[in-house]
Amino acid sequence: MLRAGIVGLPNVGKSTLFNALVANAKAQAANFPFCTIEPNVGVVAVPDERLTMLAKLSKSEQIVPTRIEFVDIAGLVKGASKNEGLGNQFLSHIRQVDALVQVVRCFDDENIIHVAGSVDPVRDIEIINLELGLSDLAQIERRMDRTRKLARSSKEGQLEMAALEKLAAALNEGQQARQVSLTAEETEVIQQLELLTSKPIIYAANVSEDDLATGNEWVEKVREIASVENAKVVIISAQVESELVDLPEEERADFLASLGVEEGGLKSLIAATYQLLGLRTFLTTGPKETRAWTIREGMLAPQAAGVIHTDFERGFIRAETVAYQDLVSTGSMNAAKEKGLIRSEGKEYVVQEGDVMLFRFNV
């Protein structure tokens, strides 16, 4: 399951966004710093309208979407690495996530306190990235102490030490681990450190509802930073998201349209995360269930089958495959087959986004 960690300064809208994304979450959202104490974890279904259509065609008993887990930790402040505020004691809770969502305040509201006294997304991003970097640096230095002895007697130790020294030098200069050029071997050997600044990052620019469709000057500054880091930017409004939760499903589209946008923050965040991580979705459908499966871009058919069950990959014979649009346009598997749209794909087939697949395998 895909996991994303939510970070940011206090009072930037982190917990309000978390509550909205995870409707049954218990995170407290209040107008004072450090209102999130324990890390909050929530799992949400990834919205995918294709599942509903396929379920109708197959008369499926149930729909099973793929899922994403959000982890919301207490807000960081300048000096967290030196135990300012609540310190960085909760960063360990997000070391195992796939990507980070850094919520950045891009709205002005005199009724909501800013921990630094003013709205400045560039400063806020620098603070968070610095604190994440200092946490990583401390981890690297501890690892270097243990690796020095090993480096005297083994090539593996020398390889790891070289990678650690590169990372330490970069972090000391204020760079992020993801900006450091490492060989494939070096990347593999330091993977166990789960460095925070090595993770792909999405900047969630939190704006007022008036700026949701167009953004504002603060959002443009966030985009400038993201372009240098090869990061993604998503414009969200935590307040709008919290209002969406209370609306019936049929009214949400009209509400978003009235604000000049087509989709809510959850869809935007997930789409950005999938793009950043190079993820794809394939689908299976039948009378029992219609289901979405998440895979890495470039996965071959047997590997995709293995996501469902390891036996499927071991005994893979072929995959009967049809593009989602072709199946919907013909109206049924039989009709798609009659028109020659269902393909028999072998072990070298690269699974495409939206493929509807049925795997044949030996037990």
Protein backbone atom coordinates (compact mmCIF):
# COMPACT_ATOMS: atom_id res chain seq x y z
CA MET A 1 0.00 0.00 0.00
CA LEU A 2 1.24 3.48 -0.91
CA ARG A 3 2.19 5.61 2.11
CA ALA A 4 2.60 9.39 2.31
CA GLY A 5 3.81 11.43 5.26
CA ILE A 6 2.35 14.88 5.91
CA VAL A 7 4.80 17.47 7.27
CA GLY A 8 4.84 21.21 7.79
CA LEU A 9 5.00 23.99 10.32
CA PRO A 10 2.29 24.23 13.00
CA ASN A 11 -0.94 25.91 11.89
CA VAL A 12 -0.43 25.60 8.14
CA GLY A 13 -3.50 23.38 7.74
CA LYS A 14 -1.87 19.94 8.05
CA SER A 15 -4.39 18.39 10.40
CA THR A 16 -7.37 20.12 8.79
CA LEU A 17 -6.26 18.59 5.49
CA PHE A 18 -5.68 15.21 7.12
CA ASN A 19 -9.13 15.22 8.70
CA ALA A 20 -10.68 16.06 5.35
CA LEU A 21 -8.73 13.42 3.43
CA VAL A 22 -9.42 10.77 6.02
CA ALA A 23 -13.06 11.31 6.93
CA ASN A 24 -12.93 9.09 10.00
CA ALA A 25 -9.58 10.41 11.25
CA LYS A 26 -9.29 11.51 14.85
CA ALA A 27 -6.70 14.23 14.36
CA GLN A 28 -7.47 17.40 16.27
CA ALA A 29 -7.48 20.57 14.18
CA ALA A 30 -7.32 23.66 16.35
CA ASN A 31 -5.95 27.17 16.13
CA PHE A 32 -2.88 26.75 18.29
CA PRO A 33 0.57 25.27 17.67
CA PHE A 34 1.32 21.60 18.32
CA CYS A 35 -2.32 20.49 18.34
CA THR A 36 -1.23 17.20 16.72
CA ILE A 37 0.74 15.29 19.35
CA GLU A 38 0.69 11.61 18.47
CA PRO A 39 1.08 10.74 14.79
CA ASN A 40 -2.26 10.23 13.10
CA VAL A 41 -2.61 7.48 10.53
CA GLY A 42 -5.51 7.12 8.11
CA VAL A 43 -6.17 4.94 5.08
CA VAL A 44 -8.29 6.24 2.22
CA ALA A 45 -9.57 4.69 -0.99
CA VAL A 46 -8.04 6.06 -4.18
CA PRO A 47 -10.92 7.58 -6.20
CA ASP A 48 -11.29 5.86 -9.57
CA GLU A 49 -14.49 6.28 -11.58
CA ARG A 50 -13.43 3.44 -13.89
CA LEU A 51 -14.22 0.93 -11.17
CA THR A 52 -17.88 1.90 -11.03
CA MET A 53 -18.26 1.55 -14.79
CA LEU A 54 -16.53 -1.83 -14.89
CA ALA A 55 -18.58 -3.09 -11.96
CA LYS A 56 -21.76 -2.27 -13.85
CA LEU A 57 -20.56 -4.11 -16.95
CA SER A 58 -19.52 -7.19 -14.95
CA LYS A 59 -22.38 -6.98 -12.42
CA SER A 60 -19.74 -7.22 -9.68
CA GLU A 61 -20.77 -7.93 -6.11
CA GLN A 62 -18.22 -5.47 -4.76
CA ILE A 63 -15.72 -2.78 -5.74
CA VAL A 64 -12.23 -2.81 -4.21
CA PRO A 65 -10.22 0.36 -4.89
CA THR A 66 -6.53 0.61 -4.23
CA ARG A 67 -5.59 2.53 -1.07
CA ILE A 68 -3.17 5.14 0.22
CA GLU A 69 -2.12 5.68 3.82
CA PHE A 70 -1.52 9.18 5.15
CA VAL A 71 0.62 9.76 8.26
CA ASP A 72 0.26 13.17 9.91
CA ILE A 73 2.88 14.16 12.50
CA ALA A 74 3.23 17.14 14.84
CA GLY A 75 4.29 20.41 13.24
CA LEU A 76 8.02 21.13 13.07
CA VAL A 77 9.51 24.48 14.01
CA LYS A 78 12.91 26.09 13.51
CA GLY A 79 15.29 24.40 15.89
CA ALA A 80 13.33 21.16 16.09
CA SER A 81 16.61 19.26 15.79
CA LYS A 82 17.64 21.00 19.04
CA ASN A 83 14.33 20.11 20.69
CA GLU A 84 12.58 23.40 20.00
CA GLY A 85 8.78 23.02 20.10
CA LEU A 86 8.11 19.30 20.24
CA GLY A 87 11.46 18.59 18.61
CA ASN A 88 11.77 16.09 15.82
CA GLN A 89 10.75 13.12 17.96
CA PHE A 90 7.98 12.13 15.55
CA LEU A 91 10.07 12.05 12.38
CA SER A 92 10.71 8.33 12.86
CA HIS A 93 7.03 7.76 12.09
CA ILE A 94 7.48 8.93 8.50
CA ARG A 95 10.83 7.36 7.62
CA GLN A 96 9.10 4.40 5.97
CA VAL A 97 6.70 6.37 3.76
CA ASP A 98 7.04 6.44 -0.03
CA ALA A 99 6.68 10.21 -0.40
CA LEU A 100 6.36 13.37 1.67
CA VAL A 101 3.55 15.91 1.38
CA GLN A 102 4.79 19.22 2.75
CA VAL A 103 1.84 21.49 3.48
CA VAL A 104 2.78 25.14 2.92
CA ARG A 105 0.63 28.02 4.05
CA CYS A 106 -0.24 30.26 1.10
CA PHE A 107 -3.15 32.18 2.61
CA ASP A 108 -3.43 35.16 4.91
CA ASP A 109 -5.83 35.08 7.85
CA GLU A 110 -5.29 37.27 10.90
CA ASN A 111 -7.50 34.92 12.91
CA ILE A 112 -5.13 31.97 12.41
CA ILE A 113 -1.80 32.29 14.18
CA HIS A 114 1.38 31.70 12.18
CA VAL A 115 4.16 30.31 14.35
CA ALA A 116 6.69 32.64 12.66
CA GLY A 117 4.42 35.68 12.82
CA SER A 118 3.88 36.15 9.08
CA VAL A 119 3.09 34.24 5.89
CA ASP A 120 6.21 33.40 3.91
CA PRO A 121 6.18 30.03 2.11
CA VAL A 122 9.82 30.29 1.01
CA ARG A 123 10.98 30.72 4.61
CA ASP A 124 8.65 27.96 5.80
CA ILE A 125 9.94 25.48 3.20
CA GLU A 126 13.53 26.32 4.10
CA ILE A 127 12.80 25.68 7.78
CA ILE A 128 11.16 22.30 7.17
CA ASN A 129 13.80 21.14 4.70
CA LEU A 130 16.57 22.24 7.06
CA GLU A 131 15.08 20.31 9.97
CA LEU A 132 14.57 17.20 7.83
CA GLY A 133 18.15 17.53 6.61
CA LEU A 134 19.55 17.89 10.11
CA SER A 135 17.66 14.80 11.20
CA ASP A 136 19.11 12.89 8.23
CA LEU A 137 22.59 14.22 8.96
CA ALA A 138 22.43 12.98 12.54
CA GLN A 139 21.40 9.56 11.25
CA ILE A 140 24.21 9.51 8.70
CA GLU A 141 26.83 10.50 11.27
CA ARG A 142 25.73 7.70 13.58
CA ARG A 143 25.97 5.27 10.69
CA MET A 144 29.43 6.56 9.75
CA ASP A 145 30.69 5.84 13.26
CA ARG A 146 29.68 2.19 12.81
CA THR A 147 30.90 1.92 9.21
CA ARG A 148 34.45 3.27 9.61
CA LYS A 149 35.77 0.04 11.09
CA LEU A 150 34.05 -2.06 8.42
CA ALA A 151 35.47 0.17 5.68
CA ARG A 152 39.03 -0.81 6.69
CA SER A 153 38.45 -4.46 5.87
CA SER A 154 35.73 -4.78 3.23
CA LYS A 155 34.74 -3.34 -0.14
CA GLU A 156 31.11 -3.20 1.03
CA GLY A 157 32.13 -0.98 3.93
CA GLN A 158 34.18 1.25 1.63
CA LEU A 159 31.25 1.59 -0.74
CA GLU A 160 28.88 2.53 2.07
CA MET A 161 31.38 4.96 3.59
CA ALA A 162 31.83 6.71 0.24
CA ALA A 163 28.07 7.13 -0.12
CA LEU A 164 27.70 8.40 3.45
CA GLU A 165 30.49 10.94 2.96
CA LYS A 166 28.84 12.27 -0.22
CA LEU A 167 25.51 12.63 1.57
CA ALA A 168 27.00 14.24 4.67
CA ALA A 169 28.87 16.82 2.59
CA ALA A 170 25.72 17.72 0.65
CA LEU A 171 23.52 17.98 3.73
CA ASN A 172 26.09 20.16 5.48
CA GLU A 173 25.81 22.51 2.52
CA GLY A 174 22.03 22.69 2.85
CA GLN A 175 21.20 20.33 0.00
CA GLN A 176 18.74 17.45 0.12
CA ALA A 177 19.76 13.80 -0.17
CA ARG A 178 17.62 13.46 -3.31
CA GLN A 179 19.88 16.01 -5.01
CA VAL A 180 23.03 13.90 -4.50
CA SER A 181 24.27 11.83 -7.45
CA LEU A 182 24.84 8.27 -6.25
CA THR A 183 25.58 5.11 -8.18
CA ALA A 184 23.01 2.32 -8.19
CA GLU A 185 25.21 0.38 -5.75
CA GLU A 186 25.56 3.36 -3.41
CA THR A 187 21.81 3.99 -3.51
CA GLU A 188 21.11 0.40 -2.58
CA VAL A 189 23.58 0.32 0.30
CA ILE A 190 22.15 3.43 2.02
CA GLN A 191 18.51 2.56 1.35
CA GLN A 192 18.08 1.11 4.82
CA LEU A 193 18.66 4.55 6.34
CA GLU A 194 15.32 5.70 4.89
CA LEU A 195 16.54 9.28 4.65
CA LEU A 196 13.72 11.82 4.76
CA THR A 197 15.33 14.19 2.27
CA SER A 198 15.80 11.36 -0.23
CA LYS A 199 12.04 10.86 -0.55
CA PRO A 200 10.06 12.40 -3.41
CA ILE A 201 8.23 15.49 -2.23
CA ILE A 202 4.95 17.15 -3.08
CA TYR A 203 4.37 20.70 -1.93
CA ALA A 204 0.70 21.15 -1.03
CA ALA A 205 0.12 24.89 -1.35
CA ASN A 206 -2.76 25.57 1.04
CA VAL A 207 -4.78 28.53 -0.23
CA SER A 208 -8.09 30.19 0.52
CA GLU A 209 -11.09 29.07 -1.51
CA ASP A 210 -10.88 32.28 -3.57
CA ASP A 211 -7.42 31.26 -4.84
CA LEU A 212 -8.11 27.56 -5.35
CA ALA A 213 -8.65 27.82 -9.10
CA THR A 214 -5.87 30.26 -9.95
CA GLY A 215 -3.34 30.18 -7.13
CA ASN A 216 -1.57 33.34 -5.98
CA GLU A 217 1.87 34.94 -5.70
CA TRP A 218 2.81 32.68 -2.82
CA VAL A 219 1.97 29.60 -4.88
CA GLU A 220 4.25 30.85 -7.67
CA LYS A 221 7.12 31.07 -5.20
CA VAL A 222 6.48 27.48 -4.13
CA ARG A 223 6.51 26.43 -7.80
CA GLU A 224 9.89 28.09 -8.29
CA ILE A 225 11.35 26.03 -5.44
CA ALA A 226 9.73 22.83 -6.69
CA SER A 227 11.11 23.29 -10.21
CA VAL A 228 14.67 23.32 -8.86
CA GLU A 229 14.03 20.17 -6.80
CA ASN A 230 12.03 18.30 -9.46
CA ALA A 231 9.18 18.21 -6.95
CA LYS A 232 5.45 18.49 -7.57
CA VAL A 233 3.10 21.28 -6.49
CA VAL A 234 -0.58 20.77 -5.79
CA ILE A 235 -2.90 23.65 -4.95
CA ILE A 236 -5.30 22.64 -2.20
CA SER A 237 -7.61 24.38 0.21
CA ALA A 238 -7.80 22.51 3.50
CA GLN A 239 -10.89 24.52 4.39
CA VAL A 240 -12.65 23.57 1.16
CA GLU A 241 -11.70 19.94 1.71
CA SER A 242 -13.23 20.05 5.19
CA GLU A 243 -16.45 21.47 3.71
CA LEU A 244 -16.54 18.75 1.03
CA VAL A 245 -16.61 16.05 3.70
CA ASP A 246 -19.99 17.31 4.91
CA LEU A 247 -21.57 17.43 1.45
CA PRO A 248 -23.47 14.55 -0.18
CA GLU A 249 -21.51 12.93 -3.01
CA GLU A 250 -23.87 14.29 -5.68
CA GLU A 251 -23.33 17.89 -4.51
CA ARG A 252 -19.55 17.87 -4.38
CA ALA A 253 -18.97 18.30 -8.11
CA ASP A 254 -21.27 21.33 -8.24
CA PHE A 255 -19.53 22.87 -5.22
CA LEU A 256 -16.09 22.43 -6.79
CA ALA A 257 -17.35 23.76 -10.12
CA SER A 258 -18.58 26.89 -8.35
CA LEU A 259 -14.98 27.43 -7.21
CA GLY A 260 -13.63 26.90 -10.71
CA VAL A 261 -12.03 23.49 -10.19
CA GLU A 262 -12.91 19.99 -11.36
CA GLU A 263 -11.50 17.83 -8.59
CA GLY A 264 -10.80 17.94 -4.87
CA GLY A 265 -7.46 17.89 -3.10
CA LEU A 266 -7.42 14.14 -2.56
CA LYS A 267 -7.52 13.38 -6.29
CA SER A 268 -4.92 16.05 -7.01
CA LEU A 269 -2.57 14.77 -4.31
CA ILE A 270 -2.88 11.16 -5.39
CA ALA A 271 -2.39 12.01 -9.06
CA ALA A 272 0.76 13.98 -8.22
CA THR A 273 2.05 11.17 -6.01
CA TYR A 274 1.49 8.57 -8.74
CA GLN A 275 3.30 10.73 -11.29
CA LEU A 276 6.19 11.43 -8.94
CA LEU A 277 6.67 7.78 -8.00
CA GLY A 278 6.05 6.43 -11.50
CA LEU A 279 3.01 4.36 -10.53
CA ARG A 280 0.35 2.84 -12.76
CA THR A 281 -3.02 1.17 -12.18
CA PHE A 282 -4.34 -1.96 -13.83
CA LEU A 283 -7.82 -3.36 -13.28
CA THR A 284 -9.48 -6.73 -12.85
CA THR A 285 -13.21 -7.28 -13.14
CA GLY A 286 -15.73 -10.11 -12.84
CA PRO A 287 -18.97 -11.11 -11.11
CA LYS A 288 -17.30 -11.37 -7.71
CA GLU A 289 -15.43 -8.05 -7.69
CA THR A 290 -13.96 -5.21 -9.69
CA ARG A 291 -10.60 -4.14 -8.33
CA ALA A 292 -7.75 -1.68 -8.89
CA TRP A 293 -4.10 -2.66 -8.46
CA THR A 294 -1.12 -0.32 -8.15
CA ILE A 295 2.16 -1.21 -9.86
CA ARG A 296 5.42 0.47 -10.82
CA GLU A 297 5.78 1.90 -14.30
CA GLY A 298 7.47 -0.61 -16.62
CA MET A 299 6.29 -3.72 -14.79
CA LEU A 300 5.89 -6.80 -16.97
CA ALA A 301 2.72 -8.88 -16.98
CA PRO A 302 4.08 -11.65 -14.69
CA GLN A 303 5.19 -9.04 -12.12
CA ALA A 304 1.77 -7.43 -12.21
CA ALA A 305 0.21 -10.85 -11.71
CA GLY A 306 2.47 -11.28 -8.69
CA VAL A 307 0.93 -8.19 -7.10
CA ILE A 308 -2.31 -10.15 -6.90
CA HIS A 309 -0.67 -13.37 -5.69
CA THR A 310 2.85 -14.79 -5.86
CA ASP A 311 1.44 -18.02 -7.35
CA PHE A 312 0.16 -16.01 -10.31
CA GLU A 313 3.68 -14.83 -11.12
CA ARG A 314 5.34 -18.22 -10.62
CA GLY A 315 2.84 -20.04 -12.84
CA PHE A 316 2.19 -17.23 -15.32
CA ILE A 317 1.09 -18.41 -18.78
CA ARG A 318 -0.48 -15.34 -20.39
CA ALA A 319 -2.62 -12.28 -19.69
CA GLU A 320 -5.85 -11.62 -21.53
CA THR A 321 -5.77 -7.86 -21.81
CA VAL A 322 -8.07 -5.11 -23.03
CA ALA A 323 -7.78 -1.34 -22.72
CA TYR A 324 -10.38 0.15 -20.37
CA GLN A 325 -11.80 2.48 -23.02
CA ASP A 326 -12.13 -0.35 -25.55
CA LEU A 327 -14.03 -2.47 -23.04
CA VAL A 328 -16.38 0.34 -22.05
CA SER A 329 -17.04 1.37 -25.65
CA THR A 330 -18.00 -2.19 -26.65
CA GLY A 331 -20.04 -2.82 -23.51
CA SER A 332 -18.83 -6.30 -22.54
CA MET A 333 -15.92 -8.71 -22.61
CA ASN A 334 -17.68 -10.83 -25.25
CA ALA A 335 -18.27 -7.85 -27.51
CA ALA A 336 -14.66 -6.71 -27.08
CA LYS A 337 -13.49 -10.22 -27.94
CA GLU A 338 -15.65 -10.35 -31.07
CA LYS A 339 -14.06 -7.11 -32.27
CA GLY A 340 -10.57 -8.45 -31.63
CA LEU A 341 -9.84 -5.95 -28.86
CA ILE A 342 -8.84 -8.52 -26.25
CA ARG A 343 -5.16 -9.38 -26.65
CA SER A 344 -3.23 -12.39 -25.39
CA GLU A 345 -0.05 -10.96 -23.86
CA GLY A 346 3.02 -12.95 -22.80
CA LYS A 347 5.84 -12.59 -20.28
CA GLU A 348 7.46 -9.61 -22.00
CA TYR A 349 4.36 -7.41 -22.09
CA VAL A 350 4.70 -4.07 -20.28
CA VAL A 351 1.46 -3.35 -18.45
CA GLN A 352 -0.16 -0.05 -19.42
CA GLU A 353 -2.27 2.36 -17.40
CA GLY A 354 -5.91 1.26 -17.39
CA ASP A 355 -5.30 -2.25 -18.71
CA VAL A 356 -8.12 -4.62 -17.74
CA MET A 357 -6.47 -7.98 -17.24
CA LEU A 358 -7.29 -11.65 -16.68
CA PHE A 359 -4.29 -13.82 -15.83
CA ARG A 360 -3.92 -17.44 -16.91
CA PHE A 361 -1.48 -19.48 -14.81
CA ASN A 362 -0.46 -22.98 -13.77
CA VAL A 363 -1.07 -23.90 -10.14
